[in-house]
């Protein structure tokens, strides 16, 4: 293959890659999750969950009974412009409403019946920009997305 053919091949590859770039809405802030509603992004509430240990469980509580970010979609889609948060580390859980706050109880020891994270599909759209999608239909309620090992929670509701 001649040098000209290699150059043309590389140039065509670069043009094709540019044509395939993500063209949708872009998050305004890094390391914040946004709910995708068509061409609009809705910033999720960012809070720090309070953590308490009870016997063999860890209880996480978030103030208030409802998130301000809401969606009617049973399989919501989120965007993350990542600088510090790894998109692959994000987990989603459903909250219970108890005593005027949202609560999640995670079982420390192996027992049946503890909540499991909602399955997420993570797609890299471009360098530092990720799409996270619920891989299952979610019921109405309050939910939180959190980087694994962190008490930072991004809250939203499905109605």
C-alpha atoms as a PDB file:
ATOM      1  CA  UNK A   1       0.000   0.000   0.000  1.00  0.00           C
ATOM      2  CA  UNK A   2       1.421   3.376  -0.976  1.00  0.00           C
ATOM      3  CA  UNK A   3       1.835   6.284   1.403  1.00  0.00           C
ATOM      4  CA  UNK A   4      -0.920   8.171  -0.468  1.00  0.00           C
ATOM      5  CA  UNK A   5      -3.379   5.284   0.036  1.00  0.00           C
ATOM      6  CA  UNK A   6      -2.544   5.130   3.756  1.00  0.00           C
ATOM      7  CA  UNK A   7      -3.077   8.897   4.074  1.00  0.00           C
ATOM      8  CA  UNK A   8      -6.425   8.730   2.246  1.00  0.00           C
ATOM      9  CA  UNK A   9      -7.553   5.798   4.429  1.00  0.00           C
ATOM     10  CA  UNK A  10      -6.633   7.639   7.626  1.00  0.00           C
ATOM     11  CA  UNK A  11      -8.340  10.816   6.400  1.00  0.00           C
ATOM     12  CA  UNK A  12     -11.541   8.923   5.504  1.00  0.00           C
ATOM     13  CA  UNK A  13     -11.491   7.219   8.892  1.00  0.00           C
ATOM     14  CA  UNK A  14     -11.162  10.579  10.658  1.00  0.00           C
ATOM     15  CA  UNK A  15     -14.018  12.102   8.640  1.00  0.00           C
ATOM     16  CA  UNK A  16     -16.231   9.073   9.412  1.00  0.00           C
ATOM     17  CA  UNK A  17     -15.397   9.326  13.121  1.00  0.00           C
ATOM     18  CA  UNK A  18     -16.267  13.036  13.146  1.00  0.00           C
ATOM     19  CA  UNK A  19     -19.582  12.342  11.417  1.00  0.00           C
ATOM     20  CA  UNK A  20     -20.471   9.799  14.125  1.00  0.00           C
ATOM     21  CA  UNK A  21     -19.887  12.254  17.037  1.00  0.00           C
ATOM     22  CA  UNK A  22     -22.694  12.733  19.532  1.00  0.00           C
ATOM     23  CA  UNK A  23     -24.942  15.653  18.553  1.00  0.00           C
ATOM     24  CA  UNK A  24     -27.523  15.641  21.373  1.00  0.00           C
ATOM     25  CA  UNK A  25     -27.826  17.877  24.424  1.00  0.00           C
ATOM     26  CA  UNK A  26     -24.755  18.315  26.635  1.00  0.00           C
ATOM     27  CA  UNK A  27     -24.566  18.533  30.429  1.00  0.00           C
ATOM     28  CA  UNK A  28     -23.772  21.999  31.789  1.00  0.00           C
ATOM     29  CA  UNK A  29     -21.783  20.626  34.751  1.00  0.00           C
ATOM     30  CA  UNK A  30     -19.267  17.821  35.093  1.00  0.00           C
ATOM     31  CA  UNK A  31     -19.827  14.983  37.576  1.00  0.00           C
ATOM     32  CA  UNK A  32     -23.556  15.669  37.770  1.00  0.00           C
ATOM     33  CA  UNK A  33     -26.216  13.352  36.390  1.00  0.00           C
ATOM     34  CA  UNK A  34     -28.913  14.680  34.074  1.00  0.00           C
ATOM     35  CA  UNK A  35     -32.204  13.079  33.069  1.00  0.00           C
ATOM     36  CA  UNK A  36     -32.740  13.135  29.297  1.00  0.00           C
ATOM     37  CA  UNK A  37     -36.156  14.379  28.115  1.00  0.00           C
ATOM     38  CA  UNK A  38     -35.950  14.559  24.312  1.00  0.00           C
ATOM     39  CA  UNK A  39     -33.516  17.444  23.646  1.00  0.00           C
ATOM     40  CA  UNK A  40     -33.742  18.777  27.207  1.00  0.00           C
ATOM     41  CA  UNK A  41     -31.647  17.816  30.210  1.00  0.00           C
ATOM     42  CA  UNK A  42     -33.039  17.923  33.745  1.00  0.00           C
ATOM     43  CA  UNK A  43     -30.378  18.135  36.453  1.00  0.00           C
ATOM     44  CA  UNK A  44     -30.875  15.558  39.202  1.00  0.00           C
ATOM     45  CA  UNK A  45     -30.922  16.634  42.855  1.00  0.00           C
ATOM     46  CA  UNK A  46     -27.461  16.065  44.327  1.00  0.00           C
ATOM     47  CA  UNK A  47     -27.463  15.260  48.049  1.00  0.00           C
ATOM     48  CA  UNK A  48     -25.264  13.482  50.556  1.00  0.00           C
ATOM     49  CA  UNK A  49     -26.983  10.474  52.099  1.00  0.00           C
ATOM     50  CA  UNK A  50     -26.734  10.014  55.848  1.00  0.00           C
ATOM     51  CA  UNK A  51     -25.371   6.561  56.697  1.00  0.00           C
ATOM     52  CA  UNK A  52     -26.307   4.579  59.843  1.00  0.00           C
ATOM     53  CA  UNK A  53     -25.498   0.998  60.801  1.00  0.00           C
ATOM     54  CA  UNK A  54     -28.220  -1.184  62.321  1.00  0.00           C
ATOM     55  CA  UNK A  55     -27.339  -4.776  63.234  1.00  0.00           C
ATOM     56  CA  UNK A  56     -26.329  -6.384  59.921  1.00  0.00           C
ATOM     57  CA  UNK A  57     -27.683  -3.552  57.773  1.00  0.00           C
ATOM     58  CA  UNK A  58     -26.548  -0.133  56.580  1.00  0.00           C
ATOM     59  CA  UNK A  59     -29.338   2.439  56.257  1.00  0.00           C
ATOM     60  CA  UNK A  60     -28.930   5.424  53.943  1.00  0.00           C
ATOM     61  CA  UNK A  61     -31.351   8.340  54.336  1.00  0.00           C
ATOM     62  CA  UNK A  62     -31.968  11.313  52.081  1.00  0.00           C
ATOM     63  CA  UNK A  63     -34.016  14.294  53.311  1.00  0.00           C
ATOM     64  CA  UNK A  64     -37.482  14.910  51.878  1.00  0.00           C
ATOM     65  CA  UNK A  65     -40.061  12.602  50.381  1.00  0.00           C
ATOM     66  CA  UNK A  66     -39.698  13.548  46.717  1.00  0.00           C
ATOM     67  CA  UNK A  67     -37.045  14.617  44.216  1.00  0.00           C
ATOM     68  CA  UNK A  68     -37.568  17.718  42.109  1.00  0.00           C
ATOM     69  CA  UNK A  69     -36.343  15.915  38.954  1.00  0.00           C
ATOM     70  CA  UNK A  70     -39.233  13.776  37.686  1.00  0.00           C
ATOM     71  CA  UNK A  71     -39.940  11.630  34.642  1.00  0.00           C
ATOM     72  CA  UNK A  72     -42.878   9.577  33.358  1.00  0.00           C
ATOM     73  CA  UNK A  73     -40.433   7.205  31.599  1.00  0.00           C
ATOM     74  CA  UNK A  74     -40.199   3.670  33.002  1.00  0.00           C
ATOM     75  CA  UNK A  75     -36.724   3.244  31.460  1.00  0.00           C
ATOM     76  CA  UNK A  76     -35.062   6.619  32.043  1.00  0.00           C
ATOM     77  CA  UNK A  77     -31.885   7.748  30.301  1.00  0.00           C
ATOM     78  CA  UNK A  78     -29.187   9.864  31.963  1.00  0.00           C
ATOM     79  CA  UNK A  79     -26.132  11.776  30.765  1.00  0.00           C
ATOM     80  CA  UNK A  80     -22.912  12.193  32.711  1.00  0.00           C
ATOM     81  CA  UNK A  81     -20.022  14.478  31.786  1.00  0.00           C
ATOM     82  CA  UNK A  82     -17.330  12.647  33.731  1.00  0.00           C
ATOM     83  CA  UNK A  83     -14.231  14.206  35.264  1.00  0.00           C
ATOM     84  CA  UNK A  84     -14.050  12.515  38.696  1.00  0.00           C
ATOM     85  CA  UNK A  85     -17.016  10.114  38.710  1.00  0.00           C
ATOM     86  CA  UNK A  86     -16.531   6.889  36.764  1.00  0.00           C
ATOM     87  CA  UNK A  87     -19.698   6.120  34.791  1.00  0.00           C
ATOM     88  CA  UNK A  88     -19.136   2.389  35.321  1.00  0.00           C
ATOM     89  CA  UNK A  89     -19.204   2.852  39.109  1.00  0.00           C
ATOM     90  CA  UNK A  90     -22.716   4.376  39.198  1.00  0.00           C
ATOM     91  CA  UNK A  91     -25.433   2.247  40.813  1.00  0.00           C
ATOM     92  CA  UNK A  92     -29.185   2.891  40.953  1.00  0.00           C
ATOM     93  CA  UNK A  93     -31.486   1.972  43.853  1.00  0.00           C
ATOM     94  CA  UNK A  94     -35.144   2.523  44.672  1.00  0.00           C
ATOM     95  CA  UNK A  95     -35.890   4.370  47.906  1.00  0.00           C
ATOM     96  CA  UNK A  96     -38.603   3.625  50.452  1.00  0.00           C
ATOM     97  CA  UNK A  97     -40.448   6.611  51.918  1.00  0.00           C
ATOM     98  CA  UNK A  98     -40.350   6.496  55.727  1.00  0.00           C
ATOM     99  CA  UNK A  99     -40.929   9.168  58.375  1.00  0.00           C
ATOM    100  CA  UNK A 100     -40.659  12.117  55.969  1.00  0.00           C
ATOM    101  CA  UNK A 101     -37.462  10.994  54.209  1.00  0.00           C
ATOM    102  CA  UNK A 102     -36.229   8.609  51.532  1.00  0.00           C
ATOM    103  CA  UNK A 103     -34.462   5.523  52.820  1.00  0.00           C
ATOM    104  CA  UNK A 104     -32.450   2.586  51.486  1.00  0.00           C
ATOM    105  CA  UNK A 105     -31.443  -0.374  53.652  1.00  0.00           C
ATOM    106  CA  UNK A 106     -28.572  -2.483  52.345  1.00  0.00           C
ATOM    107  CA  UNK A 107     -27.940  -5.879  53.900  1.00  0.00           C
ATOM    108  CA  UNK A 108     -24.323  -6.390  55.006  1.00  0.00           C
ATOM    109  CA  UNK A 109     -24.485 -10.137  55.575  1.00  0.00           C
ATOM    110  CA  UNK A 110     -25.749 -12.564  52.975  1.00  0.00           C
ATOM    111  CA  UNK A 111     -29.495 -12.704  53.394  1.00  0.00           C
ATOM    112  CA  UNK A 112     -32.324 -12.978  50.951  1.00  0.00           C
ATOM    113  CA  UNK A 113     -34.609 -10.067  50.274  1.00  0.00           C
ATOM    114  CA  UNK A 114     -32.123  -7.196  50.344  1.00  0.00           C
ATOM    115  CA  UNK A 115     -32.403  -4.576  47.626  1.00  0.00           C
ATOM    116  CA  UNK A 116     -30.292  -5.065  44.546  1.00  0.00           C
ATOM    117  CA  UNK A 117     -29.102  -2.279  42.266  1.00  0.00           C
ATOM    118  CA  UNK A 118     -31.138  -1.603  39.143  1.00  0.00           C
ATOM    119  CA  UNK A 119     -29.265  -2.841  36.073  1.00  0.00           C
ATOM    120  CA  UNK A 120     -27.745   0.003  34.068  1.00  0.00           C
ATOM    121  CA  UNK A 121     -26.296   0.051  30.574  1.00  0.00           C
ATOM    122  CA  UNK A 122     -23.406   2.500  30.203  1.00  0.00           C
ATOM    123  CA  UNK A 123     -22.491   3.776  26.729  1.00  0.00           C
ATOM    124  CA  UNK A 124     -19.535   6.031  25.990  1.00  0.00           C
ATOM    125  CA  UNK A 125     -20.769   8.750  23.615  1.00  0.00           C
ATOM    126  CA  UNK A 126     -17.440  10.540  23.332  1.00  0.00           C
ATOM    127  CA  UNK A 127     -14.445  11.285  25.522  1.00  0.00           C
ATOM    128  CA  UNK A 128     -15.786  12.053  29.009  1.00  0.00           C
ATOM    129  CA  UNK A 129     -19.487  11.868  28.028  1.00  0.00           C
ATOM    130  CA  UNK A 130     -21.592   8.835  28.960  1.00  0.00           C
ATOM    131  CA  UNK A 131     -25.187   7.707  28.563  1.00  0.00           C
ATOM    132  CA  UNK A 132     -26.611   5.578  31.396  1.00  0.00           C
ATOM    133  CA  UNK A 133     -29.866   3.719  30.794  1.00  0.00           C
ATOM    134  CA  UNK A 134     -32.043   1.640  33.077  1.00  0.00           C
ATOM    135  CA  UNK A 135     -32.003  -1.874  31.612  1.00  0.00           C
ATOM    136  CA  UNK A 136     -35.372  -2.784  33.068  1.00  0.00           C
ATOM    137  CA  UNK A 137     -38.782  -1.184  33.484  1.00  0.00           C
ATOM    138  CA  UNK A 138     -38.981   0.751  36.740  1.00  0.00           C
ATOM    139  CA  UNK A 139     -42.130   1.215  38.776  1.00  0.00           C
ATOM    140  CA  UNK A 140     -43.280   4.610  39.991  1.00  0.00           C
ATOM    141  CA  UNK A 141     -41.321   5.860  42.970  1.00  0.00           C
ATOM    142  CA  UNK A 142     -38.202   7.594  44.235  1.00  0.00           C
ATOM    143  CA  UNK A 143     -34.755   6.548  42.995  1.00  0.00           C
ATOM    144  CA  UNK A 144     -31.138   7.469  43.531  1.00  0.00           C
ATOM    145  CA  UNK A 145     -27.985   7.049  41.451  1.00  0.00           C
ATOM    146  CA  UNK A 146     -24.720   6.930  43.355  1.00  0.00           C
ATOM    147  CA  UNK A 147     -21.085   6.203  42.567  1.00  0.00           C
ATOM    148  CA  UNK A 148     -20.123   2.957  44.309  1.00  0.00           C
ATOM    149  CA  UNK A 149     -18.523   3.613  47.699  1.00  0.00           C
ATOM    150  CA  UNK A 150     -19.830   7.194  47.872  1.00  0.00           C
ATOM    151  CA  UNK A 151     -22.639   8.805  49.868  1.00  0.00           C
ATOM    152  CA  UNK A 152     -23.272  11.295  47.057  1.00  0.00           C
ATOM    153  CA  UNK A 153     -26.703  10.563  45.599  1.00  0.00           C
ATOM    154  CA  UNK A 154     -28.408  11.980  42.513  1.00  0.00           C
ATOM    155  CA  UNK A 155     -32.162  11.699  43.093  1.00  0.00           C
ATOM    156  CA  UNK A 156     -35.125  11.538  40.719  1.00  0.00           C
ATOM    157  CA  UNK A 157     -38.699  10.287  40.715  1.00  0.00           C
ATOM    158  CA  UNK A 158     -40.785   8.281  38.269  1.00  0.00           C
ATOM    159  CA  UNK A 159     -44.488   9.119  38.229  1.00  0.00           C
END
